Amino acid sequence: MSALVLALTGCSAPMPAPTSSPSGRPSSPSTAPFGGRKLIFIGQDLDVHAGASGAAPYTAFDKALADYITRRLGIDYRPIVVTPSVREKYLEDGSVDLVIASYVYTPARARRVDFTGTYLVSESAVLVRKENSANLSSRTDLPQSGRGVCTVANSIQSLDTLVRSHTARNDEACVTEVQKGKAFAYYSGLTIVSRMAATDPDLTVVRIPDLGSRTYSSVGIRLKSPDCTRVARLVKDFLRDEWRSDFQTHLKFLVSQDPDFMTTFRPTDTMVDRYTKCSAP
């Protein structure tokens, strides 16, 4: 965890010598990725996507995308733990350069930050104890009062006015409430709750047909960043080059549940374009 603290409190990385372009000719810092820096900061939701409690090493599907983008750009990165409540703030104040953390595109968020397309399509679902999984066929079957449904603050699910929920700071807090019986269900994205269920035999995921809508995890980038379109092109390249193998490696519990996972979870180029919003610098 010390590396994460250093990333939050350290000074900006020094400007390196100009990098080389694909043609081999030197590129000026103004045209090199991220102004020619060799180290950038990426906000990742490590509680969910990097093993238990964000413990190193950071290995997960979102990290695979971060590795691919930075490798193609010829730069390194340092991860910083983020929660949904601070993602826009961290991009706006320069704490991070990119956010790759199940960050779903919405028009409201796109007024504060830019997005470089979607790399994962999902739906909403609930995580419950197995003994509570019967007779959940509609959102109206969820508790309508008390602390029955937990969501993470500022997540897409917490904004759903058709489900009565209370918020917690992060995913682990909601899961703990369900495990201890303090909440009936944890309402989140399918990929997140499926990962949580895979680590606890007493929990299971229920996909409710009228619960929420499809979500599009995207890469957040600072508003008016000159690197926005460049990163958007790399998202498309990732979908073509490594998406399938990385999904099979890091989200194998979903592969086993859905043999047609490529159609279910992989965005098309049209979807990437639809959820790309790059403001002019």
C-alpha atoms as a PDB file:
ATOM      1  CA  MET A   1       0.000   0.000   0.000  1.00  0.00           C
ATOM      2  CA  SER A   2       2.981   2.331   0.420  1.00  0.00           C
ATOM      3  CA  ALA A   3       3.296   2.699  -3.338  1.00  0.00           C
ATOM      4  CA  LEU A   4      -0.268   3.966  -3.475  1.00  0.00           C
ATOM      5  CA  VAL A   5       0.364   6.528  -0.753  1.00  0.00           C
ATOM      6  CA  LEU A   6       3.458   7.701  -2.596  1.00  0.00           C
ATOM      7  CA  ALA A   7       1.416   8.105  -5.749  1.00  0.00           C
ATOM      8  CA  LEU A   8      -1.070  10.279  -3.952  1.00  0.00           C
ATOM      9  CA  THR A   9       1.457  12.501  -2.239  1.00  0.00           C
ATOM     10  CA  GLY A  10       4.441  12.501  -4.558  1.00  0.00           C
ATOM     11  CA  CYS A  11       5.437  15.238  -6.977  1.00  0.00           C
ATOM     12  CA  SER A  12       4.760  15.065 -10.674  1.00  0.00           C
ATOM     13  CA  ALA A  13       7.158  12.938 -12.668  1.00  0.00           C
ATOM     14  CA  PRO A  14      10.006  14.877 -14.323  1.00  0.00           C
ATOM     15  CA  MET A  15       9.768  15.637 -18.022  1.00  0.00           C
ATOM     16  CA  PRO A  16      11.868  13.105 -19.979  1.00  0.00           C
ATOM     17  CA  ALA A  17      13.770  13.585 -23.188  1.00  0.00           C
ATOM     18  CA  PRO A  18      11.581  13.585 -26.306  1.00  0.00           C
ATOM     19  CA  THR A  19      10.344  10.127 -27.221  1.00  0.00           C
ATOM     20  CA  SER A  20      10.491   8.490 -30.630  1.00  0.00           C
ATOM     21  CA  SER A  21       7.561   8.306 -32.985  1.00  0.00           C
ATOM     22  CA  PRO A  22       6.615   5.060 -34.801  1.00  0.00           C
ATOM     23  CA  SER A  23       8.759   6.269 -37.718  1.00  0.00           C
ATOM     24  CA  GLY A  24      11.808   6.439 -35.454  1.00  0.00           C
ATOM     25  CA  ARG A  25      12.055  10.230 -35.590  1.00  0.00           C
ATOM     26  CA  PRO A  26      12.003  12.099 -32.263  1.00  0.00           C
ATOM     27  CA  SER A  27       8.623  13.397 -31.178  1.00  0.00           C
ATOM     28  CA  SER A  28       8.310  16.701 -29.384  1.00  0.00           C
ATOM     29  CA  PRO A  29       6.797  16.649 -25.886  1.00  0.00           C
ATOM     30  CA  SER A  30       3.766  18.497 -27.270  1.00  0.00           C
ATOM     31  CA  THR A  31       2.878  15.573 -29.572  1.00  0.00           C
ATOM     32  CA  ALA A  32       4.151  12.686 -27.445  1.00  0.00           C
ATOM     33  CA  PRO A  33       1.544  10.983 -25.232  1.00  0.00           C
ATOM     34  CA  PHE A  34       0.766  12.924 -22.072  1.00  0.00           C
ATOM     35  CA  GLY A  35       3.222  15.683 -22.901  1.00  0.00           C
ATOM     36  CA  GLY A  36       6.191  13.342 -23.120  1.00  0.00           C
ATOM     37  CA  ARG A  37       5.933  12.050 -19.544  1.00  0.00           C
ATOM     38  CA  LYS A  38       7.072   8.496 -18.905  1.00  0.00           C
ATOM     39  CA  LEU A  39       4.917   7.986 -15.806  1.00  0.00           C
ATOM     40  CA  ILE A  40       1.204   8.678 -15.462  1.00  0.00           C
ATOM     41  CA  PHE A  41      -1.302   7.945 -12.698  1.00  0.00           C
ATOM     42  CA  ILE A  42      -4.302   5.690 -13.223  1.00  0.00           C
ATOM     43  CA  GLY A  43      -7.212   5.513 -10.796  1.00  0.00           C
ATOM     44  CA  GLN A  44      -8.301   1.925 -10.280  1.00  0.00           C
ATOM     45  CA  ASP A  45     -11.044   0.478  -8.085  1.00  0.00           C
ATOM     46  CA  LEU A  46      -8.640  -1.962  -6.480  1.00  0.00           C
ATOM     47  CA  ASP A  47     -11.132  -3.300  -3.930  1.00  0.00           C
ATOM     48  CA  VAL A  48     -12.892  -5.153  -6.731  1.00  0.00           C
ATOM     49  CA  HIS A  49     -10.467  -5.440  -9.596  1.00  0.00           C
ATOM     50  CA  ALA A  50      -7.142  -6.290  -7.981  1.00  0.00           C
ATOM     51  CA  GLY A  51      -7.796  -9.147  -5.632  1.00  0.00           C
ATOM     52  CA  ALA A  52      -8.985  -9.156  -2.060  1.00  0.00           C
ATOM     53  CA  SER A  53      -8.960  -5.734  -0.424  1.00  0.00           C
ATOM     54  CA  GLY A  54      -6.870  -4.223  -3.194  1.00  0.00           C
ATOM     55  CA  ALA A  55      -3.857  -6.331  -2.248  1.00  0.00           C
ATOM     56  CA  ALA A  56      -0.882  -6.354  -4.609  1.00  0.00           C
ATOM     57  CA  PRO A  57      -0.127  -7.613  -7.138  1.00  0.00           C
ATOM     58  CA  TYR A  58      -2.727  -5.721  -9.124  1.00  0.00           C
ATOM     59  CA  THR A  59      -4.092  -8.336 -11.490  1.00  0.00           C
ATOM     60  CA  ALA A  60      -7.485  -8.026 -13.118  1.00  0.00           C
ATOM     61  CA  PHE A  61      -9.308  -7.162 -16.327  1.00  0.00           C
ATOM     62  CA  ASP A  62      -9.121  -3.392 -15.839  1.00  0.00           C
ATOM     63  CA  LYS A  63      -5.387  -3.671 -15.160  1.00  0.00           C
ATOM     64  CA  ALA A  64      -4.973  -5.665 -18.374  1.00  0.00           C
ATOM     65  CA  LEU A  65      -6.454  -2.720 -20.270  1.00  0.00           C
ATOM     66  CA  ALA A  66      -4.225  -0.245 -18.396  1.00  0.00           C
ATOM     67  CA  ASP A  67      -1.192  -2.382 -19.216  1.00  0.00           C
ATOM     68  CA  TYR A  68      -2.149  -2.517 -22.895  1.00  0.00           C
ATOM     69  CA  ILE A  69      -2.760   1.224 -23.287  1.00  0.00           C
ATOM     70  CA  THR A  70       0.421   2.307 -21.513  1.00  0.00           C
ATOM     71  CA  ARG A  71       2.536  -0.317 -23.271  1.00  0.00           C
ATOM     72  CA  ARG A  72       1.322   0.912 -26.651  1.00  0.00           C
ATOM     73  CA  LEU A  73       2.039   4.511 -25.637  1.00  0.00           C
ATOM     74  CA  GLY A  74       5.502   3.654 -24.333  1.00  0.00           C
ATOM     75  CA  ILE A  75       4.854   4.935 -20.803  1.00  0.00           C
ATOM     76  CA  ASP A  76       4.511   3.460 -17.328  1.00  0.00           C
ATOM     77  CA  TYR A  77       1.786   4.060 -14.767  1.00  0.00           C
ATOM     78  CA  ARG A  78       1.173   4.011 -11.055  1.00  0.00           C
ATOM     79  CA  PRO A  79      -2.232   2.932  -9.687  1.00  0.00           C
ATOM     80  CA  ILE A  80      -4.159   4.987  -7.155  1.00  0.00           C
ATOM     81  CA  VAL A  81      -7.162   3.591  -5.297  1.00  0.00           C
ATOM     82  CA  VAL A  82     -10.350   5.449  -6.211  1.00  0.00           C
ATOM     83  CA  THR A  83     -13.973   5.099  -5.184  1.00  0.00           C
ATOM     84  CA  PRO A  84     -16.963   6.176  -7.289  1.00  0.00           C
ATOM     85  CA  SER A  85     -17.367   9.351  -5.228  1.00  0.00           C
ATOM     86  CA  VAL A  86     -13.943  10.771  -6.195  1.00  0.00           C
ATOM     87  CA  ARG A  87     -13.416   9.705  -9.816  1.00  0.00           C
ATOM     88  CA  GLU A  88     -14.414  13.007 -11.413  1.00  0.00           C
ATOM     89  CA  LYS A  89     -12.598  14.979  -8.706  1.00  0.00           C
ATOM     90  CA  TYR A  90      -9.340  13.078  -9.219  1.00  0.00           C
ATOM     91  CA  LEU A  91      -9.436  13.688 -12.963  1.00  0.00           C
ATOM     92  CA  GLU A  92     -10.294  17.357 -12.536  1.00  0.00           C
ATOM     93  CA  ASP A  93      -7.580  18.137  -9.985  1.00  0.00           C
ATOM     94  CA  GLY A  94      -4.880  16.118 -11.753  1.00  0.00           C
ATOM     95  CA  SER A  95      -4.490  13.383  -9.140  1.00  0.00           C
ATOM     96  CA  VAL A  96      -4.840  10.863 -11.967  1.00  0.00           C
ATOM     97  CA  ASP A  97      -4.530  11.015 -15.748  1.00  0.00           C
ATOM     98  CA  LEU A  98      -6.907   8.144 -16.525  1.00  0.00           C
ATOM     99  CA  VAL A  99      -9.604   6.282 -14.620  1.00  0.00           C
ATOM    100  CA  ILE A 100     -10.050   2.615 -15.489  1.00  0.00           C
ATOM    101  CA  ALA A 101     -12.317   1.364 -12.715  1.00  0.00           C
ATOM    102  CA  SER A 102     -15.696   0.077 -13.920  1.00  0.00           C
ATOM    103  CA  TYR A 103     -16.341   3.730 -14.738  1.00  0.00           C
ATOM    104  CA  VAL A 104     -19.669   3.892 -16.531  1.00  0.00           C
ATOM    105  CA  TYR A 105     -20.312   6.633 -19.080  1.00  0.00           C
ATOM    106  CA  THR A 106     -23.235   8.936 -18.295  1.00  0.00           C
ATOM    107  CA  PRO A 107     -24.149  12.327 -19.799  1.00  0.00           C
ATOM    108  CA  ALA A 108     -23.839  13.943 -16.360  1.00  0.00           C
ATOM    109  CA  ARG A 109     -20.305  12.634 -15.863  1.00  0.00           C
ATOM    110  CA  ALA A 110     -19.388  13.586 -19.428  1.00  0.00           C
ATOM    111  CA  ARG A 111     -19.996  17.235 -18.533  1.00  0.00           C
ATOM    112  CA  ARG A 112     -17.064  17.063 -16.096  1.00  0.00           C
ATOM    113  CA  VAL A 113     -14.657  14.631 -17.770  1.00  0.00           C
ATOM    114  CA  ASP A 114     -14.079  13.087 -21.186  1.00  0.00           C
ATOM    115  CA  PHE A 115     -14.413   9.393 -22.090  1.00  0.00           C
ATOM    116  CA  THR A 116     -12.440   7.304 -24.555  1.00  0.00           C
ATOM    117  CA  GLY A 117     -15.056   4.723 -25.410  1.00  0.00           C
ATOM    118  CA  THR A 118     -16.348   1.598 -23.720  1.00  0.00           C
ATOM    119  CA  TYR A 119     -14.441  -1.660 -23.245  1.00  0.00           C
ATOM    120  CA  LEU A 120     -17.036  -3.729 -21.359  1.00  0.00           C
ATOM    121  CA  VAL A 121     -20.810  -4.047 -21.659  1.00  0.00           C
ATOM    122  CA  SER A 122     -22.676  -5.365 -18.647  1.00  0.00           C
ATOM    123  CA  GLU A 123     -26.001  -5.289 -16.861  1.00  0.00           C
ATOM    124  CA  SER A 124     -27.051  -4.790 -13.278  1.00  0.00           C
ATOM    125  CA  ALA A 125     -27.643  -7.647 -10.851  1.00  0.00           C
ATOM    126  CA  VAL A 126     -27.936  -8.300  -7.120  1.00  0.00           C
ATOM    127  CA  LEU A 127     -25.740 -10.272  -4.750  1.00  0.00           C
ATOM    128  CA  VAL A 128     -27.671 -12.081  -2.012  1.00  0.00           C
ATOM    129  CA  ARG A 129     -27.223 -14.917   0.429  1.00  0.00           C
ATOM    130  CA  LYS A 130     -28.245 -18.184  -1.247  1.00  0.00           C
ATOM    131  CA  GLU A 131     -31.158 -18.733   1.108  1.00  0.00           C
ATOM    132  CA  ASN A 132     -32.607 -15.387  -0.073  1.00  0.00           C
ATOM    133  CA  SER A 133     -32.320 -16.022  -3.815  1.00  0.00           C
ATOM    134  CA  ALA A 134     -35.723 -17.625  -4.404  1.00  0.00           C
ATOM    135  CA  ASN A 135     -38.663 -15.640  -5.746  1.00  0.00           C
ATOM    136  CA  LEU A 136     -36.590 -12.721  -7.073  1.00  0.00           C
ATOM    137  CA  SER A 137     -38.112 -12.173 -10.497  1.00  0.00           C
ATOM    138  CA  SER A 138     -38.760  -8.419 -10.411  1.00  0.00           C
ATOM    139  CA  ARG A 139     -37.293  -5.306  -8.840  1.00  0.00           C
ATOM    140  CA  THR A 140     -40.488  -5.123  -6.745  1.00  0.00           C
ATOM    141  CA  ASP A 141     -39.400  -8.328  -4.993  1.00  0.00           C
ATOM    142  CA  LEU A 142     -36.508  -6.439  -3.400  1.00  0.00           C
ATOM    143  CA  PRO A 143     -37.066  -4.848   0.026  1.00  0.00           C
ATOM    144  CA  GLN A 144     -38.939  -1.576  -0.301  1.00  0.00           C
ATOM    145  CA  SER A 145     -38.079  -0.195   3.130  1.00  0.00           C
ATOM    146  CA  GLY A 146     -35.318  -0.217   5.717  1.00  0.00           C
ATOM    147  CA  ARG A 147     -31.709  -1.054   4.812  1.00  0.00           C
ATOM    148  CA  GLY A 148     -32.592  -3.905   2.477  1.00  0.00           C
ATOM    149  CA  VAL A 149     -30.530  -2.950  -0.591  1.00  0.00           C
ATOM    150  CA  CYS A 150     -26.979  -1.624  -0.440  1.00  0.00           C
ATOM    151  CA  THR A 151     -25.325   0.330  -3.270  1.00  0.00           C
ATOM    152  CA  VAL A 152     -22.002   2.151  -3.537  1.00  0.00           C
ATOM    153  CA  ALA A 153     -22.229   5.941  -3.299  1.00  0.00           C
ATOM    154  CA  ASN A 154     -22.210   7.701  -6.702  1.00  0.00           C
ATOM    155  CA  SER A 155     -22.485   4.413  -8.595  1.00  0.00           C
ATOM    156  CA  ILE A 156     -24.995   4.002 -11.410  1.00  0.00           C
ATOM    157  CA  GLN A 157     -27.094   1.744  -9.212  1.00  0.00           C
ATOM    158  CA  SER A 158     -27.223   4.289  -6.368  1.00  0.00           C
ATOM    159  CA  LEU A 159     -28.849   6.730  -8.817  1.00  0.00           C
ATOM    160  CA  ASP A 160     -31.639   4.285  -9.702  1.00  0.00           C
ATOM    161  CA  THR A 161     -34.768   5.888  -8.261  1.00  0.00           C
ATOM    162  CA  LEU A 162     -36.859   2.751  -8.882  1.00  0.00           C
ATOM    163  CA  VAL A 163     -34.950   0.738  -6.296  1.00  0.00           C
ATOM    164  CA  ARG A 164     -34.911   1.951  -2.711  1.00  0.00           C
ATOM    165  CA  SER A 165     -31.344   1.635  -1.447  1.00  0.00           C
ATOM    166  CA  HIS A 166     -28.853   3.021   1.034  1.00  0.00           C
ATOM    167  CA  THR A 167     -25.232   3.705   0.152  1.00  0.00           C
ATOM    168  CA  ALA A 168     -21.893   2.498   1.445  1.00  0.00           C
ATOM    169  CA  ARG A 169     -18.396   3.792   0.680  1.00  0.00           C
ATOM    170  CA  ASN A 170     -17.201   0.850  -1.391  1.00  0.00           C
ATOM    171  CA  ASP A 171     -18.056  -2.611  -2.683  1.00  0.00           C
ATOM    172  CA  GLU A 172     -16.543  -4.492   0.230  1.00  0.00           C
ATOM    173  CA  ALA A 173     -18.736  -2.600   2.686  1.00  0.00           C
ATOM    174  CA  CYS A 174     -21.892  -3.639   0.811  1.00  0.00           C
ATOM    175  CA  VAL A 175     -20.744  -7.249   0.560  1.00  0.00           C
ATOM    176  CA  THR A 176     -20.008  -7.339   4.279  1.00  0.00           C
ATOM    177  CA  GLU A 177     -23.522  -6.072   5.017  1.00  0.00           C
ATOM    178  CA  VAL A 178     -24.998  -8.905   2.945  1.00  0.00           C
ATOM    179  CA  GLN A 179     -22.724 -11.498   4.559  1.00  0.00           C
ATOM    180  CA  LYS A 180     -23.718 -10.346   8.059  1.00  0.00           C
ATOM    181  CA  GLY A 181     -27.416 -10.025   7.248  1.00  0.00           C
ATOM    182  CA  LYS A 182     -27.444  -6.250   7.659  1.00  0.00           C
ATOM    183  CA  ALA A 183     -28.586  -5.893   4.042  1.00  0.00           C
ATOM    184  CA  PHE A 184     -30.710  -8.237   1.948  1.00  0.00           C
ATOM    185  CA  ALA A 185     -28.890  -7.507  -1.324  1.00  0.00           C
ATOM    186  CA  TYR A 186     -25.961  -5.688  -2.889  1.00  0.00           C
ATOM    187  CA  TYR A 187     -27.068  -3.995  -6.129  1.00  0.00           C
ATOM    188  CA  SER A 188     -24.241  -3.399  -8.604  1.00  0.00           C
ATOM    189  CA  GLY A 189     -22.875  -4.351 -12.011  1.00  0.00           C
ATOM    190  CA  LEU A 190     -22.988  -8.016 -13.015  1.00  0.00           C
ATOM    191  CA  THR A 191     -19.218  -8.302 -13.413  1.00  0.00           C
ATOM    192  CA  ILE A 192     -18.646  -6.919  -9.903  1.00  0.00           C
ATOM    193  CA  VAL A 193     -21.187  -9.007  -8.013  1.00  0.00           C
ATOM    194  CA  SER A 194     -20.195 -12.134  -9.947  1.00  0.00           C
ATOM    195  CA  ARG A 195     -16.601 -11.695  -8.839  1.00  0.00           C
ATOM    196  CA  MET A 196     -17.733 -11.273  -5.247  1.00  0.00           C
ATOM    197  CA  ALA A 197     -19.950 -14.362  -5.392  1.00  0.00           C
ATOM    198  CA  ALA A 198     -17.055 -16.412  -6.760  1.00  0.00           C
ATOM    199  CA  THR A 199     -15.141 -15.842  -3.501  1.00  0.00           C
ATOM    200  CA  ASP A 200     -17.924 -16.757  -1.056  1.00  0.00           C
ATOM    201  CA  PRO A 201     -19.892 -20.025  -1.342  1.00  0.00           C
ATOM    202  CA  ASP A 202     -22.744 -18.597   0.754  1.00  0.00           C
ATOM    203  CA  LEU A 203     -23.473 -15.840  -1.781  1.00  0.00           C
ATOM    204  CA  THR A 204     -25.055 -15.967  -5.210  1.00  0.00           C
ATOM    205  CA  VAL A 205     -25.931 -13.590  -8.049  1.00  0.00           C
ATOM    206  CA  VAL A 206     -29.491 -13.052  -9.237  1.00  0.00           C
ATOM    207  CA  ARG A 207     -30.114 -11.406 -12.626  1.00  0.00           C
ATOM    208  CA  ILE A 208     -33.497  -9.686 -12.457  1.00  0.00           C
ATOM    209  CA  PRO A 209     -34.942  -8.864 -15.918  1.00  0.00           C
ATOM    210  CA  ASP A 210     -36.346  -5.434 -15.050  1.00  0.00           C
ATOM    211  CA  LEU A 211     -33.419  -4.347 -12.886  1.00  0.00           C
ATOM    212  CA  GLY A 212     -31.562  -1.369 -14.332  1.00  0.00           C
ATOM    213  CA  SER A 213     -30.205  -1.191 -17.863  1.00  0.00           C
ATOM    214  CA  ARG A 214     -27.029  -2.113 -19.693  1.00  0.00           C
ATOM    215  CA  THR A 215     -23.930  -0.276 -18.545  1.00  0.00           C
ATOM    216  CA  TYR A 216     -20.822   0.637 -20.510  1.00  0.00           C
ATOM    217  CA  SER A 217     -17.539   0.673 -18.602  1.00  0.00           C
ATOM    218  CA  SER A 218     -15.328   3.348 -20.141  1.00  0.00           C
ATOM    219  CA  VAL A 219     -11.941   4.994 -19.714  1.00  0.00           C
ATOM    220  CA  GLY A 220     -12.223   8.408 -18.095  1.00  0.00           C
ATOM    221  CA  ILE A 221      -9.729  11.111 -19.038  1.00  0.00           C
ATOM    222  CA  ARG A 222      -9.288  14.744 -18.065  1.00  0.00           C
ATOM    223  CA  LEU A 223     -11.596  17.188 -19.855  1.00  0.00           C
ATOM    224  CA  LYS A 224     -10.027  18.542 -23.074  1.00  0.00           C
ATOM    225  CA  SER A 225      -7.048  16.212 -22.871  1.00  0.00           C
ATOM    226  CA  PRO A 226      -5.130  16.209 -26.179  1.00  0.00           C
ATOM    227  CA  ASP A 227      -4.634  12.448 -25.711  1.00  0.00           C
ATOM    228  CA  CYS A 228      -8.338  11.562 -25.683  1.00  0.00           C
ATOM    229  CA  THR A 229      -8.703  10.429 -29.300  1.00  0.00           C
ATOM    230  CA  ARG A 230      -5.376   8.595 -29.158  1.00  0.00           C
ATOM    231  CA  VAL A 231      -6.521   6.535 -26.168  1.00  0.00           C
ATOM    232  CA  ALA A 232      -9.908   5.914 -27.824  1.00  0.00           C
ATOM    233  CA  ARG A 233      -8.126   4.317 -30.789  1.00  0.00           C
ATOM    234  CA  LEU A 234      -6.191   2.089 -28.407  1.00  0.00           C
ATOM    235  CA  VAL A 235      -9.420   0.923 -26.751  1.00  0.00           C
ATOM    236  CA  LYS A 236     -10.543  -0.343 -30.168  1.00  0.00           C
ATOM    237  CA  ASP A 237      -7.174  -2.026 -30.670  1.00  0.00           C
ATOM    238  CA  PHE A 238      -7.470  -3.711 -27.268  1.00  0.00           C
ATOM    239  CA  LEU A 239     -10.895  -5.070 -28.169  1.00  0.00           C
ATOM    240  CA  ARG A 240      -9.391  -6.615 -31.297  1.00  0.00           C
ATOM    241  CA  ASP A 241      -6.012  -7.763 -29.960  1.00  0.00           C
ATOM    242  CA  GLU A 242      -6.371  -8.885 -26.341  1.00  0.00           C
ATOM    243  CA  TRP A 243      -9.949  -8.496 -25.086  1.00  0.00           C
ATOM    244  CA  ARG A 244     -10.945 -12.144 -25.514  1.00  0.00           C
ATOM    245  CA  SER A 245      -7.873 -13.666 -23.856  1.00  0.00           C
ATOM    246  CA  ASP A 246      -7.879 -11.142 -21.001  1.00  0.00           C
ATOM    247  CA  PHE A 247     -11.598 -11.688 -20.357  1.00  0.00           C
ATOM    248  CA  GLN A 248     -11.070 -15.453 -20.258  1.00  0.00           C
ATOM    249  CA  THR A 249      -8.157 -15.023 -17.835  1.00  0.00           C
ATOM    250  CA  HIS A 250      -9.591 -12.477 -15.429  1.00  0.00           C
ATOM    251  CA  LEU A 251     -13.356 -13.048 -15.672  1.00  0.00           C
ATOM    252  CA  LYS A 252     -13.401 -16.829 -16.065  1.00  0.00           C
ATOM    253  CA  PHE A 253     -16.396 -17.146 -13.730  1.00  0.00           C
ATOM    254  CA  LEU A 254     -18.439 -15.247 -16.340  1.00  0.00           C
ATOM    255  CA  VAL A 255     -17.065 -17.348 -19.199  1.00  0.00           C
ATOM    256  CA  SER A 256     -18.249 -20.514 -17.467  1.00  0.00           C
ATOM    257  CA  GLN A 257     -21.723 -19.019 -17.020  1.00  0.00           C
ATOM    258  CA  ASP A 258     -22.093 -17.624 -20.545  1.00  0.00           C
ATOM    259  CA  PRO A 259     -20.569 -19.508 -23.510  1.00  0.00           C
ATOM    260  CA  ASP A 260     -21.563 -16.562 -25.735  1.00  0.00           C
ATOM    261  CA  PHE A 261     -19.621 -14.083 -23.571  1.00  0.00           C
ATOM    262  CA  MET A 262     -18.105 -12.343 -26.604  1.00  0.00           C
ATOM    263  CA  THR A 263     -21.556 -11.226 -27.742  1.00  0.00           C
ATOM    264  CA  THR A 264     -22.790 -10.443 -24.228  1.00  0.00           C
ATOM    265  CA  PHE A 265     -19.878  -8.421 -22.865  1.00  0.00           C
ATOM    266  CA  ARG A 266     -17.656  -7.250 -25.750  1.00  0.00           C
ATOM    267  CA  PRO A 267     -18.522  -3.812 -27.199  1.00  0.00           C
ATOM    268  CA  THR A 268     -18.585  -3.250 -30.939  1.00  0.00           C
ATOM    269  CA  ASP A 269     -16.626  -0.435 -32.603  1.00  0.00           C
ATOM    270  CA  THR A 270     -19.933   1.402 -32.976  1.00  0.00           C
ATOM    271  CA  MET A 271     -20.441   1.240 -29.217  1.00  0.00           C
ATOM    272  CA  VAL A 272     -16.917   2.539 -28.628  1.00  0.00           C
ATOM    273  CA  ASP A 273     -17.672   5.512 -30.869  1.00  0.00           C
ATOM    274  CA  ARG A 274     -21.015   6.124 -29.167  1.00  0.00           C
ATOM    275  CA  TYR A 275     -19.393   6.316 -25.731  1.00  0.00           C
ATOM    276  CA  THR A 276     -16.370   8.343 -26.781  1.00  0.00           C
ATOM    277  CA  LYS A 277     -16.561  12.021 -25.913  1.00  0.00           C
ATOM    278  CA  CYS A 278     -13.401  14.017 -26.553  1.00  0.00           C
ATOM    279  CA  SER A 279     -13.729  17.759 -26.009  1.00  0.00           C
ATOM    280  CA  ALA A 280     -11.537  19.999 -28.148  1.00  0.00           C
ATOM    281  CA  PRO A 281      -8.394  21.098 -26.239  1.00  0.00           C
END
